[in-house]
N, C-alpha and C. Protein backbone atom coordinates (compact mmCIF):
# COMPACT_ATOMS: atom_id res chain seq x y z
N MET A 1 -35.50 -18.31 33.31
CA MET A 1 -36.24 -18.47 32.53
C MET A 1 -36.90 -17.74 31.34
N SER A 2 -37.65 -18.07 30.36
CA SER A 2 -38.17 -16.93 29.46
C SER A 2 -38.93 -15.94 29.45
N GLN A 3 -39.17 -15.33 28.70
CA GLN A 3 -40.48 -14.52 28.87
C GLN A 3 -41.84 -14.96 28.54
N PRO A 4 -42.25 -14.24 28.91
CA PRO A 4 -43.86 -15.06 28.90
C PRO A 4 -44.36 -14.57 27.96
N VAL A 5 -45.35 -15.05 26.93
CA VAL A 5 -45.82 -14.85 25.49
C VAL A 5 -47.12 -14.71 25.32
N ALA A 6 -47.93 -13.69 25.08
CA ALA A 6 -49.84 -14.07 24.95
C ALA A 6 -49.46 -13.32 23.44
N VAL A 7 -50.51 -14.10 23.02
CA VAL A 7 -51.74 -13.44 22.14
C VAL A 7 -52.60 -12.89 22.84
N ILE A 8 -52.97 -11.93 21.80
CA ILE A 8 -54.22 -11.10 22.23
C ILE A 8 -55.34 -10.88 20.45
N THR A 9 -55.99 -11.60 20.70
CA THR A 9 -56.86 -10.92 19.27
C THR A 9 -58.12 -10.11 20.00
N GLY A 10 -58.37 -9.21 18.97
CA GLY A 10 -59.34 -7.83 19.08
C GLY A 10 -58.37 -7.14 20.18
N GLY A 11 -56.73 -7.19 20.00
CA GLY A 11 -56.00 -6.27 20.46
C GLY A 11 -55.67 -4.58 20.31
N ALA A 12 -56.27 -4.28 19.04
CA ALA A 12 -56.14 -3.04 18.42
C ALA A 12 -56.19 -2.15 18.94
N ASN A 13 -57.78 -2.42 19.96
CA ASN A 13 -58.92 -1.58 20.13
C ASN A 13 -59.20 -2.14 21.55
N GLY A 14 -60.09 -0.52 22.57
CA GLY A 14 -60.90 -1.31 23.62
C GLY A 14 -59.90 -2.07 24.77
N ILE A 15 -60.28 -3.21 25.53
CA ILE A 15 -60.04 -4.04 26.01
C ILE A 15 -58.83 -5.06 26.50
N GLY A 16 -58.95 -5.44 24.55
CA GLY A 16 -57.99 -6.00 24.24
C GLY A 16 -56.44 -5.17 23.91
N LYS A 17 -57.13 -4.08 23.60
CA LYS A 17 -55.68 -2.99 23.74
C LYS A 17 -54.92 -2.63 24.84
N ALA A 18 -56.09 -2.56 25.99
CA ALA A 18 -55.66 -2.39 27.42
C ALA A 18 -54.35 -3.51 27.97
N ALA A 19 -54.92 -5.15 27.51
CA ALA A 19 -53.94 -6.46 27.82
C ALA A 19 -52.86 -5.66 27.38
N VAL A 20 -52.95 -5.50 26.24
CA VAL A 20 -51.62 -5.16 25.21
C VAL A 20 -50.87 -4.81 25.85
N VAL A 21 -51.22 -3.34 26.45
CA VAL A 21 -50.17 -2.41 26.57
C VAL A 21 -50.16 -2.86 28.34
N LYS A 22 -50.78 -3.44 29.09
CA LYS A 22 -50.64 -3.63 30.57
C LYS A 22 -49.63 -5.14 30.86
N LEU A 23 -50.20 -6.06 29.38
CA LEU A 23 -49.00 -7.39 29.10
C LEU A 23 -47.37 -6.58 28.96
N THR A 24 -47.23 -5.65 27.92
CA THR A 24 -45.81 -5.25 27.51
C THR A 24 -45.70 -4.45 28.51
N GLY A 25 -46.02 -3.81 29.37
CA GLY A 25 -45.33 -3.31 30.65
C GLY A 25 -45.13 -3.74 31.29
N ALA A 26 -45.46 -5.57 31.46
CA ALA A 26 -45.33 -6.07 32.36
C ALA A 26 -44.16 -6.88 32.06
N GLY A 27 -43.19 -6.78 30.88
CA GLY A 27 -42.23 -7.59 30.17
C GLY A 27 -42.95 -9.01 29.84
N TRP A 28 -44.01 -8.98 28.79
CA TRP A 28 -44.43 -9.78 27.76
C TRP A 28 -44.42 -9.70 26.61
N LYS A 29 -43.64 -10.67 25.82
CA LYS A 29 -43.83 -10.77 24.11
C LYS A 29 -45.15 -11.07 23.86
N VAL A 30 -45.64 -10.21 23.15
CA VAL A 30 -47.39 -10.09 22.87
C VAL A 30 -47.42 -10.02 21.23
N ILE A 31 -48.12 -10.70 20.90
CA ILE A 31 -48.34 -11.39 19.53
C ILE A 31 -49.75 -10.46 19.30
N VAL A 32 -50.37 -8.80 18.91
CA VAL A 32 -51.58 -8.69 18.34
C VAL A 32 -51.94 -9.20 16.80
N ALA A 33 -53.47 -9.97 17.82
CA ALA A 33 -54.19 -9.97 16.20
C ALA A 33 -55.35 -9.30 16.57
N ASP A 34 -56.46 -8.67 15.21
CA ASP A 34 -56.79 -7.57 15.24
C ASP A 34 -57.03 -7.78 13.38
N LEU A 35 -58.59 -7.33 13.12
CA LEU A 35 -58.90 -7.22 11.48
C LEU A 35 -58.87 -5.70 11.43
N ASN A 36 -58.64 -4.85 11.61
CA ASN A 36 -58.58 -3.50 11.81
C ASN A 36 -56.79 -3.07 11.59
N HIS A 37 -56.08 -3.67 10.73
CA HIS A 37 -55.11 -2.79 9.79
C HIS A 37 -54.31 -1.66 10.57
N SER A 38 -55.43 -0.42 10.27
CA SER A 38 -54.92 0.86 10.97
C SER A 38 -54.61 1.09 11.94
N SER A 39 -55.64 0.40 12.79
CA SER A 39 -54.89 0.04 14.61
C SER A 39 -54.16 -0.84 14.90
N LEU A 40 -53.69 -1.63 14.19
CA LEU A 40 -52.77 -2.25 14.50
C LEU A 40 -51.50 -1.62 14.39
N VAL A 41 -51.50 -1.20 13.43
CA VAL A 41 -49.81 -0.36 12.63
C VAL A 41 -49.90 0.90 13.41
N GLU A 42 -50.96 1.84 14.23
CA GLU A 42 -51.00 2.41 15.20
C GLU A 42 -49.85 2.29 16.40
N LEU A 43 -50.69 0.68 17.23
CA LEU A 43 -50.47 0.44 18.12
C LEU A 43 -48.56 0.24 18.18
N LYS A 44 -48.32 -0.50 16.27
CA LYS A 44 -47.30 -1.19 16.78
C LYS A 44 -46.30 0.27 16.91
N ASP A 45 -46.98 1.21 16.37
CA ASP A 45 -45.89 2.52 15.90
C ASP A 45 -45.73 3.40 17.85
N GLN A 46 -47.05 2.64 19.04
CA GLN A 46 -46.89 2.98 19.76
C GLN A 46 -45.89 1.97 20.73
N LEU A 47 -45.73 0.91 20.36
CA LEU A 47 -45.53 -0.79 21.40
C LEU A 47 -44.66 -0.85 20.76
N PRO A 48 -43.34 -0.67 19.74
CA PRO A 48 -42.44 -1.01 19.09
C PRO A 48 -42.55 -2.60 19.10
N ASP A 49 -41.77 -3.14 20.58
CA ASP A 49 -41.68 -4.74 20.46
C ASP A 49 -42.87 -5.49 20.76
N ILE A 50 -44.00 -5.44 20.01
CA ILE A 50 -45.28 -5.74 19.67
C ILE A 50 -45.08 -6.48 18.75
N GLU A 51 -45.60 -7.65 18.21
CA GLU A 51 -45.48 -8.61 16.65
C GLU A 51 -46.95 -7.64 16.70
N ILE A 52 -47.52 -8.56 15.26
CA ILE A 52 -48.81 -8.31 15.00
C ILE A 52 -49.10 -8.67 13.39
N ARG A 53 -50.75 -9.23 13.16
CA ARG A 53 -50.82 -9.47 12.38
C ARG A 53 -52.55 -9.60 12.34
N GLU A 54 -53.25 -9.44 10.97
CA GLU A 54 -54.51 -8.63 10.63
C GLU A 54 -54.89 -10.63 10.63
N LEU A 55 -56.14 -10.34 11.46
CA LEU A 55 -57.06 -11.85 11.50
C LEU A 55 -58.01 -11.39 11.46
N ASP A 56 -58.63 -12.43 11.23
CA ASP A 56 -60.03 -12.87 11.20
C ASP A 56 -60.10 -14.59 12.07
N VAL A 57 -60.38 -14.29 13.22
CA VAL A 57 -60.59 -14.95 14.50
C VAL A 57 -62.09 -16.50 13.84
N LEU A 58 -62.41 -16.34 13.31
CA LEU A 58 -63.66 -16.71 11.94
C LEU A 58 -62.82 -17.91 11.29
N LYS A 59 -61.62 -17.91 10.80
CA LYS A 59 -61.01 -18.69 9.78
C LYS A 59 -60.43 -19.64 10.38
N GLU A 60 -60.14 -20.86 10.98
CA GLU A 60 -59.34 -21.11 11.44
C GLU A 60 -57.75 -21.40 10.67
N ALA A 61 -58.03 -21.08 9.86
CA ALA A 61 -56.97 -21.51 8.65
C ALA A 61 -55.76 -20.58 9.23
N GLN A 62 -56.29 -19.65 9.57
CA GLN A 62 -55.53 -17.73 10.25
C GLN A 62 -54.92 -18.77 11.28
N ILE A 63 -56.20 -19.01 12.53
CA ILE A 63 -55.73 -19.29 13.55
C ILE A 63 -54.84 -20.40 13.91
N VAL A 64 -54.31 -21.13 12.55
CA VAL A 64 -53.75 -21.98 12.67
C VAL A 64 -52.20 -21.50 12.52
N ALA A 65 -52.14 -20.71 10.89
CA ALA A 65 -50.84 -19.38 10.74
C ALA A 65 -50.94 -18.70 11.76
N LEU A 66 -51.06 -18.64 12.82
CA LEU A 66 -50.71 -17.40 13.46
C LEU A 66 -50.05 -18.19 14.70
N ALA A 67 -50.67 -19.54 14.85
CA ALA A 67 -50.14 -20.21 16.50
C ALA A 67 -48.92 -20.66 15.57
N ASP A 68 -48.76 -21.24 14.13
CA ASP A 68 -46.59 -20.95 13.71
C ASP A 68 -46.57 -20.18 13.64
N GLN A 69 -46.65 -18.82 13.14
CA GLN A 69 -45.57 -18.57 13.23
C GLN A 69 -45.47 -17.56 14.15
N GLY A 70 -46.08 -17.86 15.27
CA GLY A 70 -45.69 -17.64 17.39
C GLY A 70 -44.42 -18.18 17.77
N ASN A 71 -44.83 -19.45 17.34
CA ASN A 71 -43.81 -20.24 17.71
C ASN A 71 -42.04 -20.24 16.92
N ARG A 72 -41.85 -19.79 15.62
CA ARG A 72 -41.13 -19.22 14.77
C ARG A 72 -40.77 -18.01 14.84
N ILE A 73 -41.50 -17.13 15.90
CA ILE A 73 -41.26 -15.85 15.91
C ILE A 73 -39.89 -15.81 17.88
N TRP A 74 -41.10 -17.12 18.55
CA TRP A 74 -40.66 -16.79 20.17
C TRP A 74 -40.79 -18.70 20.11
N PRO A 75 -39.50 -19.82 20.34
CA PRO A 75 -39.62 -20.99 20.35
C PRO A 75 -39.80 -21.36 21.86
C-alpha cells in the first residue's frame, strides 16, 4: 500500500501547521502551500521530508499547477 498524501493550504502557521506536523508524524507525504515564504522555509527546516510551495489559493492557475506538481512528485 502506498503512503497517503495530503496538500495543506495555509500550512505554514497555526492550525494548518499543526495538521502538517500531525500528518508527517503519522507517515503521510505532505505538500504545504502558503503565501508566507519565510514561514514555509522555516517549516521545511523543521520537517525536511515535506514539499513546500508558495501559493495564493485565490488564483486558480496556482491551484491547478500545485495539483500537477503533486502528481509528478508522488504519482
